[in-house]
Amino acid sequence: MSLGLPSFPVTLLRQWREEDLEAFTEMNADPEVMRFFPRVLTAEESRVSLQRLREGIDQRGWGLWAVQVEGELAGFTGLAEPRFIAPFTPCVEIGWRLRRAFWGRGIAHAAALQAMNHAFDVLRLEELVSFTAAGNDRSRKLMERLGFTRDPQEDFLHPSLPEGHPLRLHVLYRKRRKEWVVETSTARESERLMERGLQSAASRAQSRER
């Protein structure tokens, strides 16, 4: 019996591998992917960046993980500590970047939920932040879908970008662990109720077939 439920690709967060470099470099050189970053990256910059990401996960056990979907590198999602000084630092941020071929499939959302689970349930962090250029509506909508909230008074000028740069104005979103605990508890209860409902429906269908 088909229930008509939507299906989503299986999303895996994992450590980086040498064979990821080609797709990683392609992603970082795509002007559309990098639209809300200062510029695209060269092949050498991507090579150095991948090595840094890999070493960070080796050292801490967490970081910006590779996202694998259907055997391919889709991009990255995970946790990082901003290396600039701002009113909200030090902190841990959640971030993501996907190759264009994987946009619009719910992958960034699924991967971010896994990263949030690690942040709140494994590392027991009290808060995560996320930030992006003010005009990056796609990323901001994802932050809001994940339950992050913005206080406009916390908007900031990114210190790594020069005065007058069109991407300098950034928006900051926050999510606290206590909010995550409530949401995940509610979601688990909803899943239990749905499972019971499906079991009841299946039992009724079997009874009618007899």
Protein backbone atom coordinates (compact mmCIF):
# COMPACT_ATOMS: atom_id res chain seq x y z
CA MET A 1 0.00 0.00 0.00
CA SER A 2 1.46 3.36 -1.06
CA LEU A 3 1.03 6.12 1.48
CA GLY A 4 2.03 8.93 -0.88
CA LEU A 5 4.71 10.20 1.50
CA PRO A 6 7.55 12.29 0.03
CA SER A 7 10.98 10.69 -0.20
CA PHE A 8 14.26 12.49 0.37
CA PRO A 9 17.80 11.50 -0.58
CA VAL A 10 19.86 9.88 2.17
CA THR A 11 22.29 12.51 3.43
CA LEU A 12 25.56 11.47 5.08
CA LEU A 13 27.96 13.73 6.99
CA ARG A 14 31.50 12.36 6.94
CA GLN A 15 35.20 13.16 7.05
CA TRP A 16 36.82 14.56 3.92
CA ARG A 17 38.64 12.33 1.42
CA GLU A 18 41.26 13.08 -1.21
CA GLU A 19 38.81 12.14 -3.97
CA ASP A 20 36.51 14.99 -2.84
CA LEU A 21 38.92 17.63 -4.11
CA GLU A 22 37.69 17.80 -7.70
CA ALA A 23 34.03 18.37 -6.78
CA PHE A 24 35.01 20.68 -3.90
CA THR A 25 37.13 22.80 -6.25
CA GLU A 26 34.33 22.93 -8.82
CA MET A 27 31.85 24.11 -6.17
CA ASN A 28 34.14 26.86 -4.88
CA ALA A 29 34.79 28.09 -8.43
CA ASP A 30 31.08 28.37 -9.30
CA PRO A 31 30.11 32.08 -9.35
CA GLU A 32 26.49 31.29 -8.46
CA VAL A 33 27.44 29.14 -5.45
CA MET A 34 29.87 31.84 -4.30
CA ARG A 35 27.55 34.74 -5.06
CA PHE A 36 27.39 35.88 -1.42
CA PHE A 37 31.08 35.39 -0.72
CA PRO A 38 33.76 37.93 -1.64
CA ARG A 39 34.99 35.86 -4.61
CA VAL A 40 35.40 32.38 -6.03
CA LEU A 41 38.38 30.28 -4.91
CA THR A 42 41.30 29.10 -7.00
CA ALA A 43 42.14 25.41 -7.24
CA GLU A 44 45.06 25.88 -4.84
CA GLU A 45 42.88 27.74 -2.33
CA SER A 46 40.35 24.91 -2.42
CA ARG A 47 43.09 22.33 -1.90
CA VAL A 48 44.38 24.17 1.16
CA SER A 49 40.84 24.70 2.47
CA LEU A 50 39.94 21.01 2.18
CA GLN A 51 43.10 20.02 4.02
CA ARG A 52 42.32 22.51 6.79
CA LEU A 53 38.77 21.19 7.12
CA ARG A 54 40.03 17.63 7.32
CA GLU A 55 42.64 18.45 9.96
CA GLY A 56 40.08 20.37 12.03
CA ILE A 57 37.78 17.35 12.23
CA ASP A 58 40.73 15.09 13.08
CA GLN A 59 41.75 17.38 15.94
CA ARG A 60 38.34 18.19 17.47
CA GLY A 61 36.06 15.43 16.27
CA TRP A 62 33.73 17.96 14.66
CA GLY A 63 33.81 20.73 12.08
CA LEU A 64 32.53 21.37 8.58
CA TRP A 65 31.82 17.85 7.35
CA ALA A 66 31.60 16.64 3.77
CA VAL A 67 27.99 16.00 2.74
CA GLN A 68 27.57 12.84 0.68
CA VAL A 69 24.40 12.13 -1.28
CA GLU A 70 23.91 9.13 -3.56
CA GLY A 71 27.64 8.43 -3.47
CA GLU A 72 28.61 11.96 -4.55
CA LEU A 73 30.03 14.95 -2.72
CA ALA A 74 27.14 17.41 -2.45
CA GLY A 75 29.04 20.06 -0.48
CA PHE A 76 29.61 20.67 3.22
CA THR A 77 27.66 21.39 6.38
CA GLY A 78 28.74 21.64 9.97
CA LEU A 79 30.17 23.65 12.81
CA ALA A 80 32.93 26.23 12.99
CA GLU A 81 34.34 28.89 15.28
CA PRO A 82 34.48 32.31 13.56
CA ARG A 83 38.03 33.61 13.31
CA PHE A 84 37.09 37.28 13.47
CA ILE A 85 36.14 39.51 16.40
CA ALA A 86 32.52 40.63 16.68
CA PRO A 87 30.06 41.40 19.50
CA PHE A 88 28.78 37.79 19.38
CA THR A 89 32.16 36.02 19.32
CA PRO A 90 33.54 33.69 20.57
CA CYS A 91 30.80 31.30 19.48
CA VAL A 92 30.10 28.25 17.34
CA GLU A 93 28.34 28.78 14.04
CA ILE A 94 26.57 26.38 11.73
CA GLY A 95 27.18 26.81 8.02
CA TRP A 96 26.67 25.08 4.68
CA ARG A 97 27.57 25.19 1.01
CA LEU A 98 26.24 22.89 -1.70
CA ARG A 99 27.04 22.28 -5.33
CA ARG A 100 24.33 23.69 -7.56
CA ALA A 101 23.25 20.25 -8.78
CA PHE A 102 22.07 19.49 -5.24
CA TRP A 103 20.05 22.65 -4.61
CA GLY A 104 16.30 22.49 -4.02
CA ARG A 105 16.18 18.89 -2.79
CA GLY A 106 16.05 19.39 0.97
CA ILE A 107 19.67 18.29 1.35
CA ALA A 108 20.96 21.39 3.14
CA HIS A 109 18.09 21.17 5.62
CA ALA A 110 18.63 17.45 6.31
CA ALA A 111 22.38 17.89 6.69
CA ALA A 112 22.01 20.92 8.96
CA LEU A 113 19.67 18.97 11.26
CA GLN A 114 22.36 16.30 11.65
CA ALA A 115 24.94 18.96 12.49
CA MET A 116 22.56 20.57 15.00
CA ASN A 117 21.96 17.20 16.62
CA HIS A 118 25.71 16.83 17.11
CA ALA A 119 26.03 20.37 18.46
CA PHE A 120 23.20 20.17 20.97
CA ASP A 121 22.92 16.47 21.87
CA VAL A 122 26.57 15.35 21.64
CA LEU A 123 28.64 18.47 22.33
CA ARG A 124 25.90 19.89 24.58
CA LEU A 125 26.42 23.42 23.29
CA GLU A 126 24.05 25.99 24.74
CA GLU A 127 23.73 27.98 21.52
CA LEU A 128 24.51 28.01 17.81
CA VAL A 129 24.64 31.06 15.59
CA SER A 130 24.41 31.41 11.84
CA PHE A 131 25.08 34.46 9.73
CA THR A 132 25.16 35.50 6.10
CA ALA A 133 25.13 38.54 3.85
CA ALA A 134 21.87 40.44 4.24
CA GLY A 135 20.80 39.77 0.66
CA ASN A 136 21.25 36.00 0.81
CA ASP A 137 17.56 35.13 0.97
CA ARG A 138 18.05 31.41 0.22
CA SER A 139 20.34 30.91 3.21
CA ARG A 140 18.22 33.09 5.48
CA LYS A 141 15.10 31.07 4.68
CA LEU A 142 16.94 27.88 5.59
CA MET A 143 18.02 29.39 8.91
CA GLU A 144 14.40 30.26 9.65
CA ARG A 145 13.18 26.78 8.66
CA LEU A 146 15.71 25.37 11.12
CA GLY A 147 14.21 27.51 13.88
CA PHE A 148 16.93 30.17 14.10
CA THR A 149 15.72 33.66 14.98
CA ARG A 150 17.14 37.06 14.11
CA ASP A 151 17.32 40.24 16.15
CA PRO A 152 17.82 43.12 13.65
CA GLN A 153 19.78 44.99 16.32
CA GLU A 154 22.48 42.31 15.99
CA ASP A 155 23.04 42.90 12.26
CA PHE A 156 26.73 43.68 11.77
CA LEU A 157 29.36 44.81 9.29
CA HIS A 158 31.66 41.89 8.56
CA PRO A 159 35.14 42.94 9.72
CA SER A 160 36.86 40.92 6.99
CA LEU A 161 35.27 43.02 4.24
CA PRO A 162 36.26 46.61 3.43
CA GLU A 163 34.02 49.61 3.96
CA GLY A 164 31.59 50.02 1.09
CA HIS A 165 31.72 46.36 0.03
CA PRO A 166 28.22 45.27 -1.15
CA LEU A 167 28.32 42.13 1.03
CA ARG A 168 29.61 43.77 4.20
CA LEU A 169 26.23 44.01 5.95
CA HIS A 170 25.47 40.65 7.59
CA VAL A 171 22.51 39.32 9.54
CA LEU A 172 22.91 37.14 12.64
CA TYR A 173 20.58 34.32 13.67
CA ARG A 174 20.63 32.37 16.94
CA LYS A 175 19.23 29.08 18.20
CA ARG A 176 19.47 27.87 21.79
CA ARG A 177 19.72 24.32 23.01
CA LYS A 178 16.58 24.60 25.13
CA GLU A 179 14.60 25.42 21.97
CA TRP A 180 16.10 22.41 20.20
CA VAL A 181 15.18 20.10 23.10
CA VAL A 182 11.54 21.21 22.99
CA GLU A 183 11.34 20.89 19.20
CA THR A 184 12.93 17.45 19.02
CA SER A 185 10.78 16.14 21.87
CA THR A 186 7.66 17.34 20.07
CA ALA A 187 8.87 15.83 16.79
CA ARG A 188 9.54 12.46 18.40
CA GLU A 189 6.05 12.41 19.91
CA SER A 190 4.53 13.30 16.53
CA GLU A 191 6.49 10.45 14.92
CA ARG A 192 5.19 8.01 17.53
CA LEU A 193 1.60 9.11 16.93
CA MET A 194 2.05 8.86 13.16
CA GLU A 195 3.54 5.39 13.46
CA ARG A 196 0.59 4.26 15.56
CA GLY A 197 -1.80 5.73 13.01
CA LEU A 198 -0.06 3.94 10.14
CA GLN A 199 -0.12 0.67 12.05
CA SER A 200 -3.84 1.09 12.72
CA ALA A 201 -4.51 1.89 9.05
CA ALA A 202 -2.54 -1.18 7.96
CA SER A 203 -4.47 -3.37 10.40
CA ARG A 204 -7.80 -2.08 9.10
CA ALA A 205 -6.71 -2.67 5.51
CA GLN A 206 -5.69 -6.25 6.32
CA SER A 207 -9.04 -6.86 8.04
CA ARG A 208 -10.94 -5.68 4.95
CA GLU A 209 -8.87 -7.98 2.72
CA ARG A 210 -9.75 -11.08 4.75
